[in-house]
N, C-alpha and C. Protein backbone atom coordinates (compact mmCIF):
# COMPACT_ATOMS: atom_id res chain seq x y z
N UNK A 1 125.40 123.45 31.05
CA UNK A 1 124.67 124.52 31.72
C UNK A 1 125.66 125.31 32.57
N UNK A 2 125.71 126.60 32.38
CA UNK A 2 126.62 127.42 33.19
C UNK A 2 125.85 128.13 34.28
N UNK A 3 126.51 128.28 35.38
CA UNK A 3 125.91 128.95 36.51
C UNK A 3 126.66 130.25 36.75
N UNK A 4 125.94 131.33 36.87
CA UNK A 4 126.57 132.61 37.18
C UNK A 4 126.12 133.03 38.57
N UNK A 5 127.06 133.55 39.28
CA UNK A 5 126.77 134.03 40.63
C UNK A 5 126.88 135.55 40.60
N UNK A 6 125.82 136.18 41.02
CA UNK A 6 125.83 137.64 41.05
C UNK A 6 126.37 138.06 42.41
N UNK A 7 127.49 138.76 42.38
CA UNK A 7 128.10 139.21 43.63
C UNK A 7 127.56 140.59 43.98
N UNK A 8 127.08 140.72 45.20
CA UNK A 8 126.59 142.00 45.67
C UNK A 8 127.68 142.66 46.50
N UNK A 9 127.84 143.96 46.38
CA UNK A 9 128.86 144.63 47.19
C UNK A 9 128.51 144.50 48.68
N UNK A 10 129.48 144.12 49.45
CA UNK A 10 129.31 143.98 50.89
C UNK A 10 129.42 145.37 51.52
N UNK A 11 128.42 145.77 52.29
CA UNK A 11 128.39 147.12 52.85
C UNK A 11 129.54 147.37 53.82
N UNK A 12 129.97 146.35 54.54
CA UNK A 12 131.09 146.54 55.48
C UNK A 12 132.38 146.76 54.71
N UNK A 13 132.60 145.96 53.69
CA UNK A 13 133.81 146.13 52.88
C UNK A 13 133.81 147.48 52.19
N UNK A 14 132.66 147.89 51.67
CA UNK A 14 132.55 149.20 51.02
C UNK A 14 132.88 150.32 52.02
N UNK A 15 132.40 150.20 53.24
CA UNK A 15 132.66 151.22 54.27
C UNK A 15 134.14 151.27 54.62
N UNK A 16 134.77 150.11 54.78
CA UNK A 16 136.20 150.07 55.09
C UNK A 16 137.00 150.71 53.96
N UNK A 17 136.66 150.37 52.74
CA UNK A 17 137.36 150.96 51.59
C UNK A 17 137.17 152.47 51.53
N UNK A 18 135.96 152.94 51.83
CA UNK A 18 135.69 154.39 51.82
C UNK A 18 136.53 155.08 52.89
N UNK A 19 136.59 154.49 54.09
CA UNK A 19 137.36 155.09 55.18
C UNK A 19 138.86 155.10 54.85
N UNK A 20 139.35 154.02 54.25
CA UNK A 20 140.76 153.98 53.85
C UNK A 20 141.06 155.06 52.82
N UNK A 21 140.16 155.24 51.87
CA UNK A 21 140.34 156.26 50.84
C UNK A 21 140.35 157.66 51.45
N UNK A 22 139.42 157.91 52.38
CA UNK A 22 139.36 159.21 53.05
C UNK A 22 140.64 159.47 53.83
N UNK A 23 141.10 158.46 54.56
CA UNK A 23 142.31 158.61 55.36
C UNK A 23 143.51 158.88 54.46
N UNK A 24 143.62 158.15 53.37
CA UNK A 24 144.73 158.36 52.44
C UNK A 24 144.67 159.76 51.84
N UNK A 25 143.48 160.21 51.48
CA UNK A 25 143.32 161.55 50.89
C UNK A 25 143.71 162.63 51.89
N UNK A 26 143.38 162.43 53.17
CA UNK A 26 143.75 163.42 54.20
C UNK A 26 145.26 163.61 54.28
N UNK A 27 146.02 162.58 53.92
CA UNK A 27 147.48 162.64 54.01
C UNK A 27 148.13 162.70 52.64
N UNK A 28 147.37 163.15 51.66
CA UNK A 28 147.91 163.33 50.32
C UNK A 28 148.38 162.04 49.67
N UNK A 29 147.81 160.92 50.07
CA UNK A 29 148.17 159.60 49.54
C UNK A 29 149.65 159.29 49.72
N UNK A 30 150.27 159.92 50.74
CA UNK A 30 151.69 159.71 51.06
C UNK A 30 151.77 158.64 52.14
N UNK A 31 152.34 157.48 51.81
CA UNK A 31 152.37 156.35 52.73
C UNK A 31 153.10 156.69 54.03
N UNK A 32 154.17 157.45 53.95
CA UNK A 32 154.90 157.82 55.17
C UNK A 32 154.03 158.67 56.09
N UNK A 33 153.29 159.62 55.51
CA UNK A 33 152.41 160.47 56.33
C UNK A 33 151.27 159.65 56.93
N UNK A 34 150.74 158.71 56.16
CA UNK A 34 149.66 157.85 56.66
C UNK A 34 150.17 157.03 57.85
N UNK A 35 151.36 156.44 57.70
CA UNK A 35 151.94 155.63 58.78
C UNK A 35 152.26 156.47 60.01
N UNK A 36 152.79 157.68 59.80
CA UNK A 36 153.10 158.56 60.93
C UNK A 36 151.83 158.92 61.69
N UNK A 37 150.77 159.23 60.98
CA UNK A 37 149.49 159.57 61.62
C UNK A 37 148.93 158.36 62.37
N UNK A 38 149.07 157.17 61.79
CA UNK A 38 148.58 155.96 62.46
C UNK A 38 149.34 155.72 63.75
N UNK A 39 150.67 155.89 63.72
CA UNK A 39 151.46 155.70 64.95
C UNK A 39 151.08 156.74 66.00
N UNK A 40 150.79 157.97 65.58
CA UNK A 40 150.39 159.01 66.53
C UNK A 40 149.07 158.64 67.19
N UNK A 41 148.10 158.14 66.39
CA UNK A 41 146.82 157.71 66.98
C UNK A 41 147.02 156.54 67.93
N UNK A 42 147.90 155.61 67.56
CA UNK A 42 148.15 154.46 68.42
C UNK A 42 148.77 154.88 69.74
N UNK A 43 149.67 155.85 69.71
CA UNK A 43 150.32 156.28 70.95
C UNK A 43 149.35 157.03 71.87
N UNK A 44 148.29 157.58 71.30
CA UNK A 44 147.27 158.25 72.11
C UNK A 44 146.42 157.24 72.89
N UNK A 45 146.37 156.00 72.41
CA UNK A 45 145.53 154.97 73.03
C UNK A 45 146.31 153.66 73.19
N UNK A 46 147.37 153.65 74.02
CA UNK A 46 148.19 152.44 74.12
C UNK A 46 147.43 151.24 74.67
N UNK A 47 146.36 151.47 75.42
CA UNK A 47 145.59 150.35 75.97
C UNK A 47 144.83 149.59 74.89
N UNK A 48 144.70 150.16 73.69
CA UNK A 48 144.01 149.49 72.59
C UNK A 48 144.96 148.67 71.73
N UNK A 49 146.25 148.76 71.98
CA UNK A 49 147.25 148.10 71.15
C UNK A 49 147.39 146.63 71.52
N UNK A 50 147.58 145.82 70.52
CA UNK A 50 147.88 144.41 70.72
C UNK A 50 149.21 144.16 70.05
N UNK A 51 150.09 143.44 70.74
CA UNK A 51 151.40 143.17 70.17
C UNK A 51 151.57 141.70 69.88
N UNK A 52 152.40 141.41 68.91
CA UNK A 52 152.73 140.02 68.61
C UNK A 52 153.68 139.54 69.70
N UNK A 53 153.42 138.36 70.22
CA UNK A 53 154.25 137.80 71.28
C UNK A 53 155.44 137.09 70.64
N UNK A 54 156.68 137.50 70.99
CA UNK A 54 157.83 136.80 70.43
C UNK A 54 157.88 135.36 70.95
N UNK A 55 158.45 134.44 70.18
CA UNK A 55 158.49 133.04 70.59
C UNK A 55 159.16 132.81 71.94
N UNK A 56 160.13 133.63 72.30
CA UNK A 56 160.84 133.45 73.57
C UNK A 56 160.35 134.42 74.64
N UNK A 57 159.10 134.81 74.59
CA UNK A 57 158.56 135.83 75.49
C UNK A 57 158.69 135.44 76.95
N UNK A 58 158.41 134.22 77.28
CA UNK A 58 158.47 133.82 78.68
C UNK A 58 159.89 133.85 79.20
N UNK A 59 160.85 133.49 78.36
CA UNK A 59 162.25 133.57 78.77
C UNK A 59 162.65 135.03 78.96
N UNK A 60 162.26 135.87 78.01
CA UNK A 60 162.68 137.27 78.03
C UNK A 60 161.99 138.07 79.13
N UNK A 61 160.71 137.76 79.42
CA UNK A 61 159.94 138.59 80.33
C UNK A 61 159.55 137.90 81.63
N UNK A 62 159.95 136.68 81.83
CA UNK A 62 159.67 136.00 83.08
C UNK A 62 158.19 135.87 83.35
N UNK A 63 157.76 136.39 84.50
CA UNK A 63 156.36 136.25 84.91
C UNK A 63 155.44 137.32 84.32
N UNK A 64 155.97 138.20 83.50
CA UNK A 64 155.15 139.26 82.91
C UNK A 64 154.06 138.62 82.04
N UNK A 65 152.83 139.16 82.09
CA UNK A 65 151.77 138.59 81.26
C UNK A 65 152.14 138.63 79.79
N UNK A 66 151.64 137.67 79.03
CA UNK A 66 151.99 137.59 77.62
C UNK A 66 151.26 138.63 76.77
N UNK A 67 150.19 139.23 77.28
CA UNK A 67 149.55 140.34 76.57
C UNK A 67 149.64 141.56 77.45
N UNK A 68 150.00 142.67 76.85
CA UNK A 68 150.18 143.90 77.62
C UNK A 68 150.08 145.09 76.69
N UNK A 69 149.86 146.28 77.26
CA UNK A 69 149.86 147.49 76.43
C UNK A 69 151.28 147.74 75.90
N UNK A 70 151.37 148.39 74.77
CA UNK A 70 152.66 148.75 74.19
C UNK A 70 153.12 150.04 74.82
N UNK A 71 154.39 150.08 75.19
CA UNK A 71 154.95 151.30 75.77
C UNK A 71 155.40 152.23 74.65
N UNK A 72 155.46 153.55 74.95
CA UNK A 72 155.81 154.53 73.93
C UNK A 72 157.16 154.23 73.28
N UNK A 73 158.14 153.80 74.08
CA UNK A 73 159.46 153.55 73.50
C UNK A 73 159.49 152.31 72.62
N UNK A 74 158.42 151.52 72.61
CA UNK A 74 158.35 150.33 71.76
C UNK A 74 157.71 150.63 70.40
N UNK A 75 157.14 151.82 70.25
CA UNK A 75 156.48 152.15 68.98
C UNK A 75 157.48 152.47 67.92
């Protein structure tokens, strides 16, 4: 006896894919233009950025908190 599972499209995944397609189309599907636009949006809202903490963060930054906004020169 075989069992088949009917997969339904997930509305959230469909929405994310639609938005990605729209964004890519706005930039002519040029990866460099897409990345440049993304960095520009990120620099407009540095408080929304999350950075990966390097393994030696406490040594490098002392008492500085391990999570912080990204500075423009770090982009």
